C-alpha atoms as a PDB file:
ATOM      1  CA  MET A   1       0.000   0.000   0.000  1.00  0.00           C
ATOM      2  CA  ASP A   2       1.155   3.474  -0.792  1.00  0.00           C
ATOM      3  CA  PRO A   3       2.630   5.139   2.358  1.00  0.00           C
ATOM      4  CA  ALA A   4       0.571   8.278   1.791  1.00  0.00           C
ATOM      5  CA  ALA A   5      -2.631   6.244   1.477  1.00  0.00           C
ATOM      6  CA  ALA A   6      -1.761   4.222   4.586  1.00  0.00           C
ATOM      7  CA  ARG A   7      -1.097   7.420   6.541  1.00  0.00           C
ATOM      8  CA  GLU A   8      -4.387   8.932   5.354  1.00  0.00           C
ATOM      9  CA  ASN A   9      -6.220   5.736   6.291  1.00  0.00           C
ATOM     10  CA  ALA A  10      -4.685   5.778   9.771  1.00  0.00           C
ATOM     11  CA  GLN A  11      -5.696   9.410  10.244  1.00  0.00           C
ATOM     12  CA  ARG A  12      -9.229   8.586   9.123  1.00  0.00           C
ATOM     13  CA  VAL A  13      -9.441   5.736  11.651  1.00  0.00           C
ATOM     14  CA  LEU A  14      -8.085   8.040  14.383  1.00  0.00           C
ATOM     15  CA  ARG A  15     -10.660  10.727  13.572  1.00  0.00           C
ATOM     16  CA  ARG A  16     -13.440   8.131  13.621  1.00  0.00           C
ATOM     17  CA  LYS A  17     -12.307   6.937  17.067  1.00  0.00           C
ATOM     18  CA  LYS A  18     -12.235  10.523  18.389  1.00  0.00           C
ATOM     19  CA  ILE A  19     -15.727  11.208  17.056  1.00  0.00           C
ATOM     20  CA  THR A  20     -17.036   7.965  18.557  1.00  0.00           C
ATOM     21  CA  ALA A  21     -15.414   8.716  21.916  1.00  0.00           C
ATOM     22  CA  GLY A  22     -16.822  12.258  21.844  1.00  0.00           C
ATOM     23  CA  ILE A  23     -20.333  11.016  21.151  1.00  0.00           C
ATOM     24  CA  GLY A  24     -20.130   8.574  24.045  1.00  0.00           C
ATOM     25  CA  LYS A  25     -18.981  11.287  26.436  1.00  0.00           C
ATOM     26  CA  ARG A  26     -21.742  13.631  25.320  1.00  0.00           C
ATOM     27  CA  ILE A  27     -24.410  10.960  25.725  1.00  0.00           C
ATOM     28  CA  PHE A  28     -23.115  10.213  29.221  1.00  0.00           C
ATOM     29  CA  LEU A  29     -23.160  13.909  30.168  1.00  0.00           C
ATOM     30  CA  VAL A  30     -26.670  14.354  28.779  1.00  0.00           C
ATOM     31  CA  VAL A  31     -27.951  11.375  30.779  1.00  0.00           C
ATOM     32  CA  ILE A  32     -26.337  12.647  33.995  1.00  0.00           C
ATOM     33  CA  SER A  33     -27.710  16.145  33.354  1.00  0.00           C
ATOM     34  CA  VAL A  34     -31.231  14.767  32.883  1.00  0.00           C
ATOM     35  CA  ILE A  35     -30.947  12.862  36.166  1.00  0.00           C
ATOM     36  CA  PHE A  36     -29.924  16.026  37.992  1.00  0.00           C
ATOM     37  CA  LEU A  37     -32.711  18.000  36.305  1.00  0.00           C
ATOM     38  CA  ILE A  38     -35.477  15.571  37.334  1.00  0.00           C
ATOM     39  CA  PRO A  39     -36.082  17.243  40.769  1.00  0.00           C
ATOM     40  CA  LEU A  40     -36.174  20.673  39.116  1.00  0.00           C
ATOM     41  CA  LEU A  41     -38.613  19.480  36.443  1.00  0.00           C
ATOM     42  CA  TRP A  42     -40.801  17.875  39.096  1.00  0.00           C
ATOM     43  CA  MET A  43     -40.784  21.138  41.068  1.00  0.00           C
ATOM     44  CA  LEU A  44     -41.739  23.096  37.945  1.00  0.00           C
ATOM     45  CA  SER A  45     -44.516  20.642  37.102  1.00  0.00           C
ATOM     46  CA  THR A  46     -45.963  20.800  40.623  1.00  0.00           C
ATOM     47  CA  ALA A  47     -45.714  24.598  40.708  1.00  0.00           C
ATOM     48  CA  LEU A  48     -47.850  24.830  37.562  1.00  0.00           C
ATOM     49  CA  LYS A  49     -50.533  22.362  38.681  1.00  0.00           C
ATOM     50  CA  SER A  50     -53.953  23.540  39.722  1.00  0.00           C
ATOM     51  CA  THR A  51     -55.687  22.459  42.907  1.00  0.00           C
ATOM     52  CA  GLY A  52     -57.779  20.034  40.848  1.00  0.00           C
ATOM     53  CA  ASP A  53     -54.653  18.354  39.456  1.00  0.00           C
ATOM     54  CA  LEU A  54     -53.276  17.854  42.959  1.00  0.00           C
ATOM     55  CA  SER A  55     -56.517  16.272  44.190  1.00  0.00           C
ATOM     56  CA  LYS A  56     -56.300  13.469  41.604  1.00  0.00           C
ATOM     57  CA  VAL A  57     -54.825  10.100  42.607  1.00  0.00           C
ATOM     58  CA  PRO A  58     -52.204   9.809  41.332  1.00  0.00           C
ATOM     59  CA  PRO A  59     -51.556  13.414  40.284  1.00  0.00           C
ATOM     60  CA  PRO A  60     -50.694  13.821  36.593  1.00  0.00           C
ATOM     61  CA  ILE A  61     -47.034  14.252  35.748  1.00  0.00           C
ATOM     62  CA  ILE A  62     -47.781  17.052  33.286  1.00  0.00           C
ATOM     63  CA  PRO A  63     -50.306  19.656  34.474  1.00  0.00           C
ATOM     64  CA  GLN A  64     -53.634  19.394  32.708  1.00  0.00           C
ATOM     65  CA  HIS A  65     -54.478  22.981  33.620  1.00  0.00           C
ATOM     66  CA  TRP A  66     -51.447  25.281  33.590  1.00  0.00           C
ATOM     67  CA  ALA A  67     -51.869  27.470  36.676  1.00  0.00           C
ATOM     68  CA  TRP A  68     -49.412  30.304  36.060  1.00  0.00           C
ATOM     69  CA  SER A  69     -51.316  32.306  38.653  1.00  0.00           C
ATOM     70  CA  ASN A  70     -49.674  30.178  41.381  1.00  0.00           C
ATOM     71  CA  PHE A  71     -46.589  32.400  41.250  1.00  0.00           C
ATOM     72  CA  LYS A  72     -48.755  35.447  41.952  1.00  0.00           C
ATOM     73  CA  GLU A  73     -50.830  33.638  44.569  1.00  0.00           C
ATOM     74  CA  VAL A  74     -47.697  32.867  46.629  1.00  0.00           C
ATOM     75  CA  PHE A  75     -47.421  36.537  47.580  1.00  0.00           C
ATOM     76  CA  LYS A  76     -51.034  36.492  48.810  1.00  0.00           C
ATOM     77  CA  GLN A  77     -50.827  33.287  50.843  1.00  0.00           C
ATOM     78  CA  LEU A  78     -47.381  33.965  52.341  1.00  0.00           C
ATOM     79  CA  PRO A  79     -45.403  37.064  53.378  1.00  0.00           C
ATOM     80  CA  PHE A  80     -43.170  36.023  50.492  1.00  0.00           C
ATOM     81  CA  GLY A  81     -42.134  39.558  49.568  1.00  0.00           C
ATOM     82  CA  THR A  82     -40.845  40.191  53.099  1.00  0.00           C
ATOM     83  CA  PHE A  83     -38.878  36.938  53.096  1.00  0.00           C
ATOM     84  CA  TYR A  84     -37.462  37.762  49.675  1.00  0.00           C
ATOM     85  CA  LEU A  85     -36.291  41.240  50.663  1.00  0.00           C
ATOM     86  CA  ASN A  86     -34.734  39.931  53.887  1.00  0.00           C
ATOM     87  CA  SER A  87     -32.768  37.296  51.987  1.00  0.00           C
ATOM     88  CA  PHE A  88     -31.766  39.806  49.325  1.00  0.00           C
ATOM     89  CA  TRP A  89     -30.271  42.333  51.746  1.00  0.00           C
ATOM     90  CA  ILE A  90     -28.487  39.688  53.803  1.00  0.00           C
ATOM     91  CA  THR A  91     -27.051  38.113  50.652  1.00  0.00           C
ATOM     92  CA  LEU A  92     -25.985  41.455  49.208  1.00  0.00           C
ATOM     93  CA  LEU A  93     -24.209  42.622  52.373  1.00  0.00           C
ATOM     94  CA  THR A  94     -22.624  39.228  52.967  1.00  0.00           C
ATOM     95  CA  THR A  95     -21.286  39.095  49.407  1.00  0.00           C
ATOM     96  CA  ILE A  96     -19.834  42.607  49.624  1.00  0.00           C
ATOM     97  CA  GLY A  97     -18.225  41.853  52.964  1.00  0.00           C
ATOM     98  CA  SER A  98     -16.778  38.529  51.839  1.00  0.00           C
ATOM     99  CA  VAL A  99     -15.280  39.916  48.634  1.00  0.00           C
ATOM    100  CA  ALA A 100     -13.783  43.047  50.242  1.00  0.00           C
ATOM    101  CA  SER A 101     -12.424  41.524  53.453  1.00  0.00           C
ATOM    102  CA  ASN A 102     -10.991  38.334  51.964  1.00  0.00           C
ATOM    103  CA  PHE A 103      -9.437  40.240  49.074  1.00  0.00           C
ATOM    104  CA  ILE A 104      -7.583  42.546  51.476  1.00  0.00           C
ATOM    105  CA  VAL A 105      -6.411  39.644  53.652  1.00  0.00           C
ATOM    106  CA  ALA A 106      -5.344  37.569  50.638  1.00  0.00           C
ATOM    107  CA  TYR A 107      -3.383  40.533  49.272  1.00  0.00           C
ATOM    108  CA  GLY A 108      -1.465  40.745  52.528  1.00  0.00           C
ATOM    109  CA  PHE A 109      -0.674  37.026  52.420  1.00  0.00           C
ATOM    110  CA  SER A 110       0.401  36.982  48.762  1.00  0.00           C
ATOM    111  CA  CYS A 111       1.641  40.360  47.526  1.00  0.00           C
ATOM    112  CA  ILE A 112       3.374  41.820  50.609  1.00  0.00           C
ATOM    113  CA  GLU A 113       6.553  40.309  52.019  1.00  0.00           C
ATOM    114  CA  TRP A 114       6.745  40.243  55.825  1.00  0.00           C
ATOM    115  CA  ARG A 115       8.338  37.992  58.392  1.00  0.00           C
ATOM    116  CA  GLY A 116       6.262  34.982  59.386  1.00  0.00           C
ATOM    117  CA  ARG A 117       3.734  35.517  56.616  1.00  0.00           C
ATOM    118  CA  ASP A 118       3.426  31.873  55.599  1.00  0.00           C
ATOM    119  CA  LYS A 119       3.275  30.645  59.201  1.00  0.00           C
ATOM    120  CA  VAL A 120       0.423  32.996  60.007  1.00  0.00           C
ATOM    121  CA  PHE A 121      -1.344  31.909  56.832  1.00  0.00           C
ATOM    122  CA  TYR A 122      -1.068  28.257  57.867  1.00  0.00           C
ATOM    123  CA  LEU A 123      -2.560  29.219  61.224  1.00  0.00           C
ATOM    124  CA  VAL A 124      -5.488  30.911  59.454  1.00  0.00           C
ATOM    125  CA  LEU A 125      -5.867  27.895  57.193  1.00  0.00           C
ATOM    126  CA  GLY A 126      -6.029  25.669  60.263  1.00  0.00           C
ATOM    127  CA  THR A 127      -9.331  27.264  61.268  1.00  0.00           C
ATOM    128  CA  LEU A 128     -10.943  25.358  58.402  1.00  0.00           C
ATOM    129  CA  PHE A 129     -10.639  22.208  60.498  1.00  0.00           C
ATOM    130  CA  LEU A 130     -12.690  23.617  63.396  1.00  0.00           C
ATOM    131  CA  PRO A 131     -16.130  21.939  63.355  1.00  0.00           C
ATOM    132  CA  PHE A 132     -19.020  24.372  63.295  1.00  0.00           C
ATOM    133  CA  PRO A 133     -20.735  22.866  66.412  1.00  0.00           C
ATOM    134  CA  ILE A 134     -17.634  23.751  68.482  1.00  0.00           C
ATOM    135  CA  THR A 135     -17.856  27.446  67.612  1.00  0.00           C
ATOM    136  CA  LEU A 136     -21.662  27.632  67.629  1.00  0.00           C
ATOM    137  CA  ILE A 137     -22.237  28.072  71.376  1.00  0.00           C
ATOM    138  CA  PRO A 138     -19.411  30.619  71.981  1.00  0.00           C
ATOM    139  CA  MET A 139     -20.555  32.685  68.999  1.00  0.00           C
ATOM    140  CA  PHE A 140     -24.177  32.632  70.104  1.00  0.00           C
ATOM    141  CA  ASP A 141     -23.148  33.682  73.615  1.00  0.00           C
ATOM    142  CA  MET A 142     -21.044  36.522  72.220  1.00  0.00           C
ATOM    143  CA  PHE A 143     -23.844  37.776  69.967  1.00  0.00           C
ATOM    144  CA  ALA A 144     -26.327  37.513  72.828  1.00  0.00           C
ATOM    145  CA  ARG A 145     -24.100  39.687  75.040  1.00  0.00           C
ATOM    146  CA  LEU A 146     -23.926  42.215  72.199  1.00  0.00           C
ATOM    147  CA  HIS A 147     -27.767  42.145  71.964  1.00  0.00           C
ATOM    148  CA  TRP A 148     -27.579  41.092  68.319  1.00  0.00           C
ATOM    149  CA  ILE A 149     -30.097  38.231  68.565  1.00  0.00           C
ATOM    150  CA  ASN A 150     -33.110  38.677  66.255  1.00  0.00           C
ATOM    151  CA  THR A 151     -31.113  41.070  64.076  1.00  0.00           C
ATOM    152  CA  TYR A 152     -29.199  40.601  60.839  1.00  0.00           C
ATOM    153  CA  LEU A 153     -25.850  41.482  62.406  1.00  0.00           C
ATOM    154  CA  PRO A 154     -24.807  37.886  63.336  1.00  0.00           C
ATOM    155  CA  LEU A 155     -25.444  36.874  59.716  1.00  0.00           C
ATOM    156  CA  VAL A 156     -23.699  39.836  58.076  1.00  0.00           C
ATOM    157  CA  VAL A 157     -20.864  41.052  60.315  1.00  0.00           C
ATOM    158  CA  PRO A 158     -18.795  37.795  60.237  1.00  0.00           C
ATOM    159  CA  ALA A 159     -18.563  38.145  56.448  1.00  0.00           C
ATOM    160  CA  PHE A 160     -16.625  41.398  56.915  1.00  0.00           C
ATOM    161  CA  LEU A 161     -14.039  39.601  59.093  1.00  0.00           C
ATOM    162  CA  GLY A 162     -12.744  37.205  56.444  1.00  0.00           C
ATOM    163  CA  SER A 163     -12.973  33.485  55.799  1.00  0.00           C
ATOM    164  CA  ALA A 164     -10.133  30.985  55.654  1.00  0.00           C
ATOM    165  CA  PHE A 165     -11.494  29.242  52.549  1.00  0.00           C
ATOM    166  CA  PHE A 166     -12.062  32.433  50.556  1.00  0.00           C
ATOM    167  CA  THR A 167      -8.688  33.812  51.662  1.00  0.00           C
ATOM    168  CA  PHE A 168      -7.005  30.621  50.476  1.00  0.00           C
ATOM    169  CA  LEU A 169      -8.818  30.751  47.134  1.00  0.00           C
ATOM    170  CA  LEU A 170      -7.862  34.388  46.488  1.00  0.00           C
ATOM    171  CA  ARG A 171      -4.289  33.943  47.701  1.00  0.00           C
ATOM    172  CA  GLN A 172      -3.659  31.087  45.280  1.00  0.00           C
ATOM    173  CA  PHE A 173      -4.864  33.308  42.458  1.00  0.00           C
ATOM    174  CA  LEU A 174      -2.920  36.411  43.531  1.00  0.00           C
ATOM    175  CA  LEU A 175       0.327  34.438  43.767  1.00  0.00           C
ATOM    176  CA  GLN A 176       0.253  34.199  39.964  1.00  0.00           C
ATOM    177  CA  ILE A 177       0.350  37.979  39.475  1.00  0.00           C
ATOM    178  CA  PRO A 178       3.825  39.056  38.256  1.00  0.00           C
ATOM    179  CA  ARG A 179       5.810  40.709  41.067  1.00  0.00           C
ATOM    180  CA  ASP A 180       7.417  43.092  38.578  1.00  0.00           C
ATOM    181  CA  ASN A 181       4.141  44.972  38.110  1.00  0.00           C
ATOM    182  CA  LEU A 182       3.759  45.504  41.836  1.00  0.00           C
ATOM    183  CA  ASP A 183       7.404  46.500  42.350  1.00  0.00           C
ATOM    184  CA  ALA A 184       7.206  49.002  39.494  1.00  0.00           C
ATOM    185  CA  ALA A 185       4.131  50.589  41.076  1.00  0.00           C
ATOM    186  CA  ARG A 186       5.891  50.822  44.446  1.00  0.00           C
ATOM    187  CA  ILE A 187       8.929  52.466  42.820  1.00  0.00           C
ATOM    188  CA  ASP A 188       6.610  55.046  41.232  1.00  0.00           C
ATOM    189  CA  GLY A 189       5.324  55.878  44.712  1.00  0.00           C
ATOM    190  CA  ALA A 190       1.981  54.078  44.685  1.00  0.00           C
ATOM    191  CA  SER A 191       0.662  53.064  48.100  1.00  0.00           C
ATOM    192  CA  GLU A 192      -0.371  49.519  48.898  1.00  0.00           C
ATOM    193  CA  TRP A 193      -4.046  50.541  48.879  1.00  0.00           C
ATOM    194  CA  ARG A 194      -3.688  52.029  45.410  1.00  0.00           C
ATOM    195  CA  ILE A 195      -1.886  48.931  44.146  1.00  0.00           C
ATOM    196  CA  LEU A 196      -4.580  46.771  45.710  1.00  0.00           C
ATOM    197  CA  TRP A 197      -7.577  48.463  44.066  1.00  0.00           C
ATOM    198  CA  GLN A 198      -6.137  49.853  40.818  1.00  0.00           C
ATOM    199  CA  ILE A 199      -3.667  47.146  39.763  1.00  0.00           C
ATOM    200  CA  VAL A 200      -4.456  43.882  41.537  1.00  0.00           C
ATOM    201  CA  ALA A 201      -8.268  44.110  41.661  1.00  0.00           C
ATOM    202  CA  PRO A 202      -8.784  44.335  37.857  1.00  0.00           C
ATOM    203  CA  MET A 203      -6.464  41.360  37.360  1.00  0.00           C
ATOM    204  CA  ALA A 204      -8.239  39.326  40.055  1.00  0.00           C
ATOM    205  CA  ARG A 205     -11.780  39.691  38.694  1.00  0.00           C
ATOM    206  CA  PRO A 206     -12.205  35.955  37.958  1.00  0.00           C
ATOM    207  CA  ALA A 207     -11.240  34.993  41.505  1.00  0.00           C
ATOM    208  CA  LEU A 208     -13.364  37.762  43.001  1.00  0.00           C
ATOM    209  CA  GLY A 209     -16.291  36.576  40.881  1.00  0.00           C
ATOM    210  CA  ALA A 210     -15.855  33.024  42.176  1.00  0.00           C
ATOM    211  CA  VAL A 211     -15.806  34.258  45.781  1.00  0.00           C
ATOM    212  CA  ALA A 212     -18.888  36.390  45.139  1.00  0.00           C
ATOM    213  CA  ILE A 213     -20.812  33.412  43.738  1.00  0.00           C
ATOM    214  CA  PHE A 214     -19.796  31.108  46.588  1.00  0.00           C
ATOM    215  CA  SER A 215     -20.683  33.742  49.173  1.00  0.00           C
ATOM    216  CA  ALA A 216     -24.007  34.676  47.565  1.00  0.00           C
ATOM    217  CA  VAL A 217     -25.126  31.060  47.217  1.00  0.00           C
ATOM    218  CA  GLY A 218     -24.123  30.291  50.808  1.00  0.00           C
ATOM    219  CA  ALA A 219     -25.937  33.329  52.228  1.00  0.00           C
ATOM    220  CA  TRP A 220     -29.057  32.825  50.092  1.00  0.00           C
ATOM    221  CA  ASN A 221     -29.370  29.142  51.064  1.00  0.00           C
ATOM    222  CA  ASP A 222     -28.254  29.536  54.677  1.00  0.00           C
ATOM    223  CA  PHE A 223     -30.683  27.729  56.948  1.00  0.00           C
ATOM    224  CA  LEU A 224     -28.921  27.193  60.269  1.00  0.00           C
ATOM    225  CA  GLY A 225     -27.839  30.812  60.791  1.00  0.00           C
ATOM    226  CA  PRO A 226     -31.308  32.385  60.406  1.00  0.00           C
ATOM    227  CA  LEU A 227     -32.822  29.500  62.365  1.00  0.00           C
ATOM    228  CA  ILE A 228     -30.568  30.261  65.343  1.00  0.00           C
ATOM    229  CA  TYR A 229     -30.466  34.062  65.358  1.00  0.00           C
ATOM    230  CA  LEU A 230     -33.843  35.159  63.907  1.00  0.00           C
ATOM    231  CA  GLN A 231     -37.024  34.778  65.955  1.00  0.00           C
ATOM    232  CA  ASP A 232     -39.951  36.556  64.277  1.00  0.00           C
ATOM    233  CA  ASN A 233     -41.490  36.471  60.803  1.00  0.00           C
ATOM    234  CA  ALA A 234     -40.579  40.092  60.059  1.00  0.00           C
ATOM    235  CA  HIS A 235     -36.869  39.166  60.037  1.00  0.00           C
ATOM    236  CA  MET A 236     -37.001  35.643  58.602  1.00  0.00           C
ATOM    237  CA  THR A 237     -35.377  34.700  55.320  1.00  0.00           C
ATOM    238  CA  LEU A 238     -36.669  32.483  52.550  1.00  0.00           C
ATOM    239  CA  SER A 239     -34.839  29.382  53.776  1.00  0.00           C
ATOM    240  CA  ILE A 240     -36.770  29.214  57.061  1.00  0.00           C
ATOM    241  CA  GLY A 241     -39.649  31.626  56.476  1.00  0.00           C
ATOM    242  CA  ILE A 242     -41.712  29.342  54.250  1.00  0.00           C
ATOM    243  CA  GLN A 243     -41.238  26.338  56.525  1.00  0.00           C
ATOM    244  CA  SER A 244     -42.055  28.303  59.682  1.00  0.00           C
ATOM    245  CA  PHE A 245     -45.148  29.822  58.090  1.00  0.00           C
ATOM    246  CA  GLN A 246     -46.276  26.405  56.861  1.00  0.00           C
ATOM    247  CA  GLN A 247     -45.887  24.892  60.338  1.00  0.00           C
ATOM    248  CA  ALA A 248     -47.735  27.801  61.944  1.00  0.00           C
ATOM    249  CA  ASN A 249     -50.675  27.874  59.514  1.00  0.00           C
ATOM    250  CA  GLY A 250     -50.709  24.420  57.932  1.00  0.00           C
ATOM    251  CA  ASN A 251     -52.965  25.465  55.063  1.00  0.00           C
ATOM    252  CA  VAL A 252     -50.562  26.506  52.306  1.00  0.00           C
ATOM    253  CA  PRO A 253     -51.212  24.385  49.183  1.00  0.00           C
ATOM    254  CA  TYR A 254     -48.361  22.237  47.963  1.00  0.00           C
ATOM    255  CA  ASN A 255     -48.333  23.746  44.496  1.00  0.00           C
ATOM    256  CA  LEU A 256     -47.838  27.221  45.994  1.00  0.00           C
ATOM    257  CA  LEU A 257     -44.918  25.951  48.073  1.00  0.00           C
ATOM    258  CA  MET A 258     -43.293  24.560  44.943  1.00  0.00           C
ATOM    259  CA  ALA A 259     -43.922  27.844  43.113  1.00  0.00           C
ATOM    260  CA  GLY A 260     -42.243  29.702  45.959  1.00  0.00           C
ATOM    261  CA  SER A 261     -39.343  27.217  45.999  1.00  0.00           C
ATOM    262  CA  LEU A 262     -38.879  27.685  42.258  1.00  0.00           C
ATOM    263  CA  MET A 263     -38.670  31.450  42.705  1.00  0.00           C
ATOM    264  CA  ILE A 264     -36.122  30.914  45.471  1.00  0.00           C
ATOM    265  CA  ILE A 265     -33.653  29.036  43.262  1.00  0.00           C
ATOM    266  CA  LEU A 266     -34.237  31.197  40.177  1.00  0.00           C
ATOM    267  CA  PRO A 267     -31.913  34.084  41.283  1.00  0.00           C
ATOM    268  CA  LEU A 268     -29.080  31.624  41.894  1.00  0.00           C
ATOM    269  CA  VAL A 269     -29.462  30.116  38.435  1.00  0.00           C
ATOM    270  CA  ILE A 270     -29.441  33.572  36.841  1.00  0.00           C
ATOM    271  CA  LEU A 271     -26.423  34.604  38.946  1.00  0.00           C
ATOM    272  CA  PHE A 272     -24.413  31.583  37.864  1.00  0.00           C
ATOM    273  CA  PHE A 273     -25.189  31.972  34.161  1.00  0.00           C
ATOM    274  CA  ILE A 274     -24.177  35.638  34.269  1.00  0.00           C
ATOM    275  CA  PHE A 275     -20.890  35.083  36.106  1.00  0.00           C
ATOM    276  CA  GLN A 276     -20.032  31.521  35.080  1.00  0.00           C
ATOM    277  CA  ARG A 277     -17.080  32.718  32.959  1.00  0.00           C
ATOM    278  CA  TYR A 278     -15.475  34.432  35.946  1.00  0.00           C
ATOM    279  CA  PHE A 279     -16.390  31.523  38.201  1.00  0.00           C
ATOM    280  CA  ILE A 280     -14.698  28.883  36.043  1.00  0.00           C
ATOM    281  CA  ARG A 281     -11.602  31.021  35.432  1.00  0.00           C
ATOM    282  CA  GLY A 282     -11.294  31.856  39.107  1.00  0.00           C
ATOM    283  CA  ILE A 283     -11.398  28.214  40.136  1.00  0.00           C
ATOM    284  CA  THR A 284      -9.162  26.767  37.424  1.00  0.00           C
ATOM    285  CA  MET A 285      -6.504  29.491  37.320  1.00  0.00           C
ATOM    286  CA  GLY A 286      -6.163  29.450  41.088  1.00  0.00           C
ATOM    287  CA  SER A 287      -5.235  25.756  40.962  1.00  0.00           C
ATOM    288  CA  PHE A 288      -2.249  26.186  38.632  1.00  0.00           C
ATOM    289  CA  LYS A 289       0.064  27.597  41.283  1.00  0.00           C
END
């Protein structure tokens, strides 16, 4: 056989194997994605069912009467708007505090040389291994002495004091920034604060976006914190407000609960799709160091 023809035949076989392998991977990913989407599809189906559909045994999988008014009815049956605003403000303040505080701390651990820097960082990193139940009682006692119970302060203020995980994530990213840029700015007389916000911050947008997403999702879905520190419906968040109201009244239809749950997860889905580029870059680039 002609060598050129044999080489072309081998390349053709190789391309066919790559295409076949790619199809198999895509089919596998599609199947796994469908499995993960089943709870969401069930929630959507239940949220759009009418009261008559729910009374049937068994209830139909696909709504026979599409009740789009359920999403509007949630605000009449529940103080859903109050819960939504409470969660929004807590999430917004927590995200701002987490991004600002951890960025400043990570800058000090990565871009400024000082004696014992790495040892102190290892000490901060060691706090990740403290179980939450160990710190729960001392923190509650401290917040009670400060008269912060039934306020948003115990949920918001700790975010402005830094987190070991977020500091680690940002530090790994900032270690990749060329030192020459920072040294040149210092020679030109720029202060550390100016270097932090005008030089490092624009370069660290992917990592800051990842921290913002992690922080926002954690604050929006937080259940234990509001359960411990909040005591009345006027301050409750979405994570515990709907459950507490359901236990107190016991007459909220199931389709309205699913409609409310769907509106709870919708902001997180939108947030991820908007910032997914920064999220993926922040995670992957921080792991190269």
